[in-house]
Amino acid sequence: MLRPGVRRRPGSRSIATATASSRMEASYEADRGGARVPRVPTIFTKGDLLNTPDLHAYAHGVSCVGTMDTGISVTFKKRWPGLLPAFEQRSAERKLQLGEAFVWSEGGDTVYSLAIQENATKRPTLAALERSLAAMVTHAEGAGIARIGVPRVGAGKTGLEWLRVKSILVKVATDKPVTLVVYEQFVRAPGA
């Protein structure tokens, strides 16, 4: 595992599946008077998720059956060519369960594929979304990942209610040293 501030060598790859089974100590920051106050772990913004210079970890929603044919997943599989074959293999072996996070690292970036629906014909559930997000945050905390870029996961083509998804995003990252940077609206980066 990586310690905070340590980056993986460019070009290196690793695979894992995260679950939400472990809990970590709450994260606090000191205010001006030195008192311990909980961090604000979720930021809602607009912009281009994949063209943000200070982000090196990203999340997106997937089904458990090994396809990435809709939404932002199409862009993810193009940006990280090794992601789809590894994800397909894990899915074919039936090792990816609903509510887990498939973790892929390539070229200094970490991608969390959140298993939020059983297959492309079934709708995702809020319970699966919450479990997969919790698994992602727990893994990121252990790996020293401080920030994860997240799209409107589950609320695009799959149709979960955005306000309920937002409340889950806030809930799973509360009191954790991992900040979720949630891109509510796509705005193309200049020159992209």
C-alpha atoms as a PDB file:
ATOM      1  CA  MET A   1       0.000   0.000   0.000  1.00  0.00           C
ATOM      2  CA  LEU A   2       1.066   3.565  -0.586  1.00  0.00           C
ATOM      3  CA  ARG A   3       1.644   6.044   2.182  1.00  0.00           C
ATOM      4  CA  PRO A   4       0.240   9.592   1.986  1.00  0.00           C
ATOM      5  CA  GLY A   5       2.230  11.648  -0.500  1.00  0.00           C
ATOM      6  CA  VAL A   6       3.804   8.598  -2.185  1.00  0.00           C
ATOM      7  CA  ARG A   7       2.955   8.095  -5.877  1.00  0.00           C
ATOM      8  CA  ARG A   8       3.028   4.864  -7.839  1.00  0.00           C
ATOM      9  CA  ARG A   9       5.662   4.677 -10.591  1.00  0.00           C
ATOM     10  CA  PRO A  10       4.285   5.808 -13.960  1.00  0.00           C
ATOM     11  CA  GLY A  11       3.348   2.790 -16.036  1.00  0.00           C
ATOM     12  CA  SER A  12       2.905   0.479 -13.049  1.00  0.00           C
ATOM     13  CA  ARG A  13      -0.378  -1.408 -12.682  1.00  0.00           C
ATOM     14  CA  SER A  14      -2.223  -3.041  -9.854  1.00  0.00           C
ATOM     15  CA  ILE A  15      -5.635  -4.586  -9.358  1.00  0.00           C
ATOM     16  CA  ALA A  16      -7.742  -5.082  -6.230  1.00  0.00           C
ATOM     17  CA  THR A  17     -11.315  -5.381  -5.104  1.00  0.00           C
ATOM     18  CA  ALA A  18     -12.324  -3.253  -2.145  1.00  0.00           C
ATOM     19  CA  THR A  19     -15.103  -3.954   0.309  1.00  0.00           C
ATOM     20  CA  ALA A  20     -16.546  -1.755   3.030  1.00  0.00           C
ATOM     21  CA  SER A  21     -15.827  -4.174   5.862  1.00  0.00           C
ATOM     22  CA  SER A  22     -13.280  -2.124   7.800  1.00  0.00           C
ATOM     23  CA  ARG A  23     -13.704   1.204   9.590  1.00  0.00           C
ATOM     24  CA  MET A  24     -10.935   3.739  10.217  1.00  0.00           C
ATOM     25  CA  GLU A  25     -10.510   6.484  12.823  1.00  0.00           C
ATOM     26  CA  ALA A  26     -12.259   9.767  12.089  1.00  0.00           C
ATOM     27  CA  SER A  27     -10.281  12.553  10.438  1.00  0.00           C
ATOM     28  CA  TYR A  28     -10.090  15.984  12.003  1.00  0.00           C
ATOM     29  CA  GLU A  29      -8.407  19.284  11.281  1.00  0.00           C
ATOM     30  CA  ALA A  30      -7.493  21.983  13.772  1.00  0.00           C
ATOM     31  CA  ASP A  31      -9.343  25.271  13.504  1.00  0.00           C
ATOM     32  CA  ARG A  32      -7.667  28.625  14.236  1.00  0.00           C
ATOM     33  CA  GLY A  33      -8.099  28.123  17.992  1.00  0.00           C
ATOM     34  CA  GLY A  34      -6.542  24.658  17.841  1.00  0.00           C
ATOM     35  CA  ALA A  35      -9.842  22.825  18.421  1.00  0.00           C
ATOM     36  CA  ARG A  36     -10.423  19.564  16.555  1.00  0.00           C
ATOM     37  CA  VAL A  37     -13.202  19.903  13.987  1.00  0.00           C
ATOM     38  CA  PRO A  38     -14.394  17.337  11.429  1.00  0.00           C
ATOM     39  CA  ARG A  39     -13.160  17.819   7.863  1.00  0.00           C
ATOM     40  CA  VAL A  40     -15.546  18.689   5.036  1.00  0.00           C
ATOM     41  CA  PRO A  41     -14.901  15.614   2.901  1.00  0.00           C
ATOM     42  CA  THR A  42     -17.177  16.220  -0.109  1.00  0.00           C
ATOM     43  CA  ILE A  43     -16.874  19.095  -2.579  1.00  0.00           C
ATOM     44  CA  PHE A  44     -19.505  19.651  -5.291  1.00  0.00           C
ATOM     45  CA  THR A  45     -18.231  21.497  -8.350  1.00  0.00           C
ATOM     46  CA  LYS A  46     -18.505  21.787 -12.116  1.00  0.00           C
ATOM     47  CA  GLY A  47     -15.766  21.192 -14.637  1.00  0.00           C
ATOM     48  CA  ASP A  48     -14.004  18.457 -16.560  1.00  0.00           C
ATOM     49  CA  LEU A  49     -13.396  15.513 -14.231  1.00  0.00           C
ATOM     50  CA  LEU A  50     -10.696  13.964 -16.398  1.00  0.00           C
ATOM     51  CA  ASN A  51      -8.818  17.208 -17.053  1.00  0.00           C
ATOM     52  CA  THR A  52      -8.200  18.353 -13.487  1.00  0.00           C
ATOM     53  CA  PRO A  53      -4.420  18.523 -12.923  1.00  0.00           C
ATOM     54  CA  ASP A  54      -4.399  17.735  -9.188  1.00  0.00           C
ATOM     55  CA  LEU A  55      -6.604  14.621  -9.413  1.00  0.00           C
ATOM     56  CA  HIS A  56      -5.065  11.164  -9.785  1.00  0.00           C
ATOM     57  CA  ALA A  57      -7.959   9.004  -8.571  1.00  0.00           C
ATOM     58  CA  TYR A  58     -11.323   8.680 -10.276  1.00  0.00           C
ATOM     59  CA  ALA A  59     -14.576   6.764  -9.794  1.00  0.00           C
ATOM     60  CA  HIS A  60     -17.421   5.674 -12.051  1.00  0.00           C
ATOM     61  CA  GLY A  61     -20.392   3.327 -11.812  1.00  0.00           C
ATOM     62  CA  VAL A  62     -20.473  -0.065 -13.542  1.00  0.00           C
ATOM     63  CA  SER A  63     -22.509  -3.256 -13.632  1.00  0.00           C
ATOM     64  CA  CYS A  64     -21.041  -6.545 -12.398  1.00  0.00           C
ATOM     65  CA  VAL A  65     -21.083  -8.179 -15.862  1.00  0.00           C
ATOM     66  CA  GLY A  66     -17.943  -6.677 -17.393  1.00  0.00           C
ATOM     67  CA  THR A  67     -19.070  -4.069 -19.888  1.00  0.00           C
ATOM     68  CA  MET A  68     -18.287  -0.375 -20.055  1.00  0.00           C
ATOM     69  CA  ASP A  69     -20.504   0.713 -22.928  1.00  0.00           C
ATOM     70  CA  THR A  70     -22.405   3.723 -21.572  1.00  0.00           C
ATOM     71  CA  GLY A  71     -21.852   7.035 -19.848  1.00  0.00           C
ATOM     72  CA  ILE A  72     -18.456   8.135 -18.625  1.00  0.00           C
ATOM     73  CA  SER A  73     -17.276   4.495 -18.531  1.00  0.00           C
ATOM     74  CA  VAL A  74     -16.659   4.703 -22.290  1.00  0.00           C
ATOM     75  CA  THR A  75     -14.211   7.563 -21.706  1.00  0.00           C
ATOM     76  CA  PHE A  76     -12.566   5.719 -18.800  1.00  0.00           C
ATOM     77  CA  LYS A  77     -11.823   2.608 -20.880  1.00  0.00           C
ATOM     78  CA  LYS A  78     -10.273   4.771 -23.621  1.00  0.00           C
ATOM     79  CA  ARG A  79      -8.106   6.753 -21.193  1.00  0.00           C
ATOM     80  CA  TRP A  80      -6.841   3.654 -19.330  1.00  0.00           C
ATOM     81  CA  PRO A  81      -6.543   0.878 -21.960  1.00  0.00           C
ATOM     82  CA  GLY A  82      -5.702  -1.811 -19.399  1.00  0.00           C
ATOM     83  CA  LEU A  83      -8.825  -1.134 -17.326  1.00  0.00           C
ATOM     84  CA  LEU A  84     -11.434  -2.912 -19.459  1.00  0.00           C
ATOM     85  CA  PRO A  85      -9.564  -6.232 -19.991  1.00  0.00           C
ATOM     86  CA  ALA A  86      -8.813  -6.506 -16.258  1.00  0.00           C
ATOM     87  CA  PHE A  87     -12.404  -5.579 -15.377  1.00  0.00           C
ATOM     88  CA  GLU A  88     -13.804  -8.088 -17.898  1.00  0.00           C
ATOM     89  CA  GLN A  89     -11.599 -10.836 -16.471  1.00  0.00           C
ATOM     90  CA  ARG A  90     -12.678 -10.088 -12.891  1.00  0.00           C
ATOM     91  CA  SER A  91     -16.318 -10.066 -14.000  1.00  0.00           C
ATOM     92  CA  ALA A  92     -15.968 -13.321 -15.971  1.00  0.00           C
ATOM     93  CA  GLU A  93     -14.552 -15.013 -12.872  1.00  0.00           C
ATOM     94  CA  ARG A  94     -17.614 -13.741 -10.941  1.00  0.00           C
ATOM     95  CA  LYS A  95     -15.278 -12.085  -8.438  1.00  0.00           C
ATOM     96  CA  LEU A  96     -16.957  -8.682  -8.580  1.00  0.00           C
ATOM     97  CA  GLN A  97     -20.016  -8.476  -6.370  1.00  0.00           C
ATOM     98  CA  LEU A  98     -22.713  -5.833  -6.148  1.00  0.00           C
ATOM     99  CA  GLY A  99     -21.599  -3.100  -3.731  1.00  0.00           C
ATOM    100  CA  GLU A 100     -17.854  -3.632  -4.212  1.00  0.00           C
ATOM    101  CA  ALA A 101     -15.286  -1.408  -5.889  1.00  0.00           C
ATOM    102  CA  PHE A 102     -12.923  -2.752  -8.548  1.00  0.00           C
ATOM    103  CA  VAL A 103      -9.623  -0.908  -8.099  1.00  0.00           C
ATOM    104  CA  TRP A 104      -7.291  -0.375 -11.077  1.00  0.00           C
ATOM    105  CA  SER A 105      -4.031   1.589 -11.082  1.00  0.00           C
ATOM    106  CA  GLU A 106      -2.211   2.587 -14.235  1.00  0.00           C
ATOM    107  CA  GLY A 107       0.323   5.303 -15.016  1.00  0.00           C
ATOM    108  CA  GLY A 108       0.073   6.974 -11.605  1.00  0.00           C
ATOM    109  CA  ASP A 109      -3.749   7.097 -11.641  1.00  0.00           C
ATOM    110  CA  THR A 110      -6.194   4.974  -9.649  1.00  0.00           C
ATOM    111  CA  VAL A 111      -9.635   4.125 -11.022  1.00  0.00           C
ATOM    112  CA  TYR A 112     -12.502   2.884  -8.867  1.00  0.00           C
ATOM    113  CA  SER A 113     -15.176   1.014 -10.837  1.00  0.00           C
ATOM    114  CA  LEU A 114     -18.145   0.984  -8.473  1.00  0.00           C
ATOM    115  CA  ALA A 115     -20.375  -2.097  -8.856  1.00  0.00           C
ATOM    116  CA  ILE A 116     -23.758  -0.408  -8.463  1.00  0.00           C
ATOM    117  CA  GLN A 117     -25.935  -2.638 -10.649  1.00  0.00           C
ATOM    118  CA  GLU A 118     -26.050  -6.381 -11.381  1.00  0.00           C
ATOM    119  CA  ASN A 119     -26.244  -6.009 -15.162  1.00  0.00           C
ATOM    120  CA  ALA A 120     -27.136  -3.435 -17.798  1.00  0.00           C
ATOM    121  CA  THR A 121     -30.858  -4.238 -17.659  1.00  0.00           C
ATOM    122  CA  LYS A 122     -31.228  -3.852 -13.887  1.00  0.00           C
ATOM    123  CA  ARG A 123     -31.312  -0.435 -12.271  1.00  0.00           C
ATOM    124  CA  PRO A 124     -28.647   0.386  -9.688  1.00  0.00           C
ATOM    125  CA  THR A 125     -29.685   0.560  -6.064  1.00  0.00           C
ATOM    126  CA  LEU A 126     -28.859   3.199  -3.496  1.00  0.00           C
ATOM    127  CA  ALA A 127     -27.715   0.439  -1.119  1.00  0.00           C
ATOM    128  CA  ALA A 128     -25.204  -0.921  -3.667  1.00  0.00           C
ATOM    129  CA  LEU A 129     -24.008   2.613  -4.399  1.00  0.00           C
ATOM    130  CA  GLU A 130     -23.459   3.332  -0.709  1.00  0.00           C
ATOM    131  CA  ARG A 131     -21.567   0.063  -0.127  1.00  0.00           C
ATOM    132  CA  SER A 132     -19.325   0.545  -3.178  1.00  0.00           C
ATOM    133  CA  LEU A 133     -18.570   4.173  -2.269  1.00  0.00           C
ATOM    134  CA  ALA A 134     -17.740   3.127   1.307  1.00  0.00           C
ATOM    135  CA  ALA A 135     -15.436   0.398  -0.053  1.00  0.00           C
ATOM    136  CA  MET A 136     -13.734   2.957  -2.303  1.00  0.00           C
ATOM    137  CA  VAL A 137     -13.194   5.459   0.522  1.00  0.00           C
ATOM    138  CA  THR A 138     -11.845   2.745   2.841  1.00  0.00           C
ATOM    139  CA  HIS A 139      -9.404   1.544   0.168  1.00  0.00           C
ATOM    140  CA  ALA A 140      -8.308   5.099  -0.659  1.00  0.00           C
ATOM    141  CA  GLU A 141      -7.698   5.849   3.008  1.00  0.00           C
ATOM    142  CA  GLY A 142      -5.466   2.786   3.351  1.00  0.00           C
ATOM    143  CA  ALA A 143      -3.635   3.600   0.106  1.00  0.00           C
ATOM    144  CA  GLY A 144      -2.975   7.221   1.063  1.00  0.00           C
ATOM    145  CA  ILE A 145      -5.193   8.656  -1.672  1.00  0.00           C
ATOM    146  CA  ALA A 146      -6.407  12.072  -0.522  1.00  0.00           C
ATOM    147  CA  ARG A 147      -8.792  13.093  -3.346  1.00  0.00           C
ATOM    148  CA  ILE A 148     -11.074  11.179  -5.695  1.00  0.00           C
ATOM    149  CA  GLY A 149     -12.922  12.713  -8.635  1.00  0.00           C
ATOM    150  CA  VAL A 150     -16.490  11.449  -8.952  1.00  0.00           C
ATOM    151  CA  PRO A 151     -19.091  12.130 -11.686  1.00  0.00           C
ATOM    152  CA  ARG A 152     -22.863  12.092 -11.081  1.00  0.00           C
ATOM    153  CA  VAL A 153     -22.469   8.387 -10.356  1.00  0.00           C
ATOM    154  CA  GLY A 154     -25.691   6.423 -10.724  1.00  0.00           C
ATOM    155  CA  ALA A 155     -27.693   9.514 -11.662  1.00  0.00           C
ATOM    156  CA  GLY A 156     -26.901   9.631 -15.370  1.00  0.00           C
ATOM    157  CA  LYS A 157     -28.262   7.013 -17.766  1.00  0.00           C
ATOM    158  CA  THR A 158     -29.054   4.630 -14.901  1.00  0.00           C
ATOM    159  CA  GLY A 159     -31.470   7.076 -13.310  1.00  0.00           C
ATOM    160  CA  LEU A 160     -30.986   7.251  -9.541  1.00  0.00           C
ATOM    161  CA  GLU A 161     -32.372  10.415  -7.962  1.00  0.00           C
ATOM    162  CA  TRP A 162     -29.481  12.909  -7.770  1.00  0.00           C
ATOM    163  CA  LEU A 163     -30.414  14.440  -4.401  1.00  0.00           C
ATOM    164  CA  ARG A 164     -30.386  10.999  -2.772  1.00  0.00           C
ATOM    165  CA  VAL A 165     -27.061  10.163  -4.432  1.00  0.00           C
ATOM    166  CA  LYS A 166     -25.606  13.462  -3.166  1.00  0.00           C
ATOM    167  CA  SER A 167     -26.591  12.660   0.406  1.00  0.00           C
ATOM    168  CA  ILE A 168     -24.885   9.257   0.139  1.00  0.00           C
ATOM    169  CA  LEU A 169     -21.714  10.867  -1.253  1.00  0.00           C
ATOM    170  CA  VAL A 170     -21.597  13.201   1.745  1.00  0.00           C
ATOM    171  CA  LYS A 171     -22.397  10.416   4.218  1.00  0.00           C
ATOM    172  CA  VAL A 172     -19.715   7.917   3.119  1.00  0.00           C
ATOM    173  CA  ALA A 173     -16.879  10.447   3.207  1.00  0.00           C
ATOM    174  CA  THR A 174     -17.807  12.162   6.477  1.00  0.00           C
ATOM    175  CA  ASP A 175     -14.979  12.006   9.023  1.00  0.00           C
ATOM    176  CA  LYS A 176     -12.598  10.385   6.521  1.00  0.00           C
ATOM    177  CA  PRO A 177      -9.258  11.772   5.303  1.00  0.00           C
ATOM    178  CA  VAL A 178     -10.424  11.290   1.699  1.00  0.00           C
ATOM    179  CA  THR A 179     -12.059  14.191  -0.141  1.00  0.00           C
ATOM    180  CA  LEU A 180     -14.621  13.368  -2.816  1.00  0.00           C
ATOM    181  CA  VAL A 181     -14.596  15.988  -5.577  1.00  0.00           C
ATOM    182  CA  VAL A 182     -17.989  15.521  -7.207  1.00  0.00           C
ATOM    183  CA  TYR A 183     -18.487  16.977 -10.688  1.00  0.00           C
ATOM    184  CA  GLU A 184     -22.190  17.838 -10.862  1.00  0.00           C
ATOM    185  CA  GLN A 185     -21.939  19.564 -14.226  1.00  0.00           C
ATOM    186  CA  PHE A 186     -19.535  18.903 -17.094  1.00  0.00           C
ATOM    187  CA  VAL A 187     -17.728  22.000 -18.355  1.00  0.00           C
ATOM    188  CA  ARG A 188     -15.041  21.334 -20.957  1.00  0.00           C
ATOM    189  CA  ALA A 189     -11.564  22.367 -19.840  1.00  0.00           C
ATOM    190  CA  PRO A 190      -9.972  25.118 -21.969  1.00  0.00           C
ATOM    191  CA  GLY A 191      -7.923  23.540 -24.749  1.00  0.00           C
ATOM    192  CA  ALA A 192      -9.310  20.040 -24.125  1.00  0.00           C
END
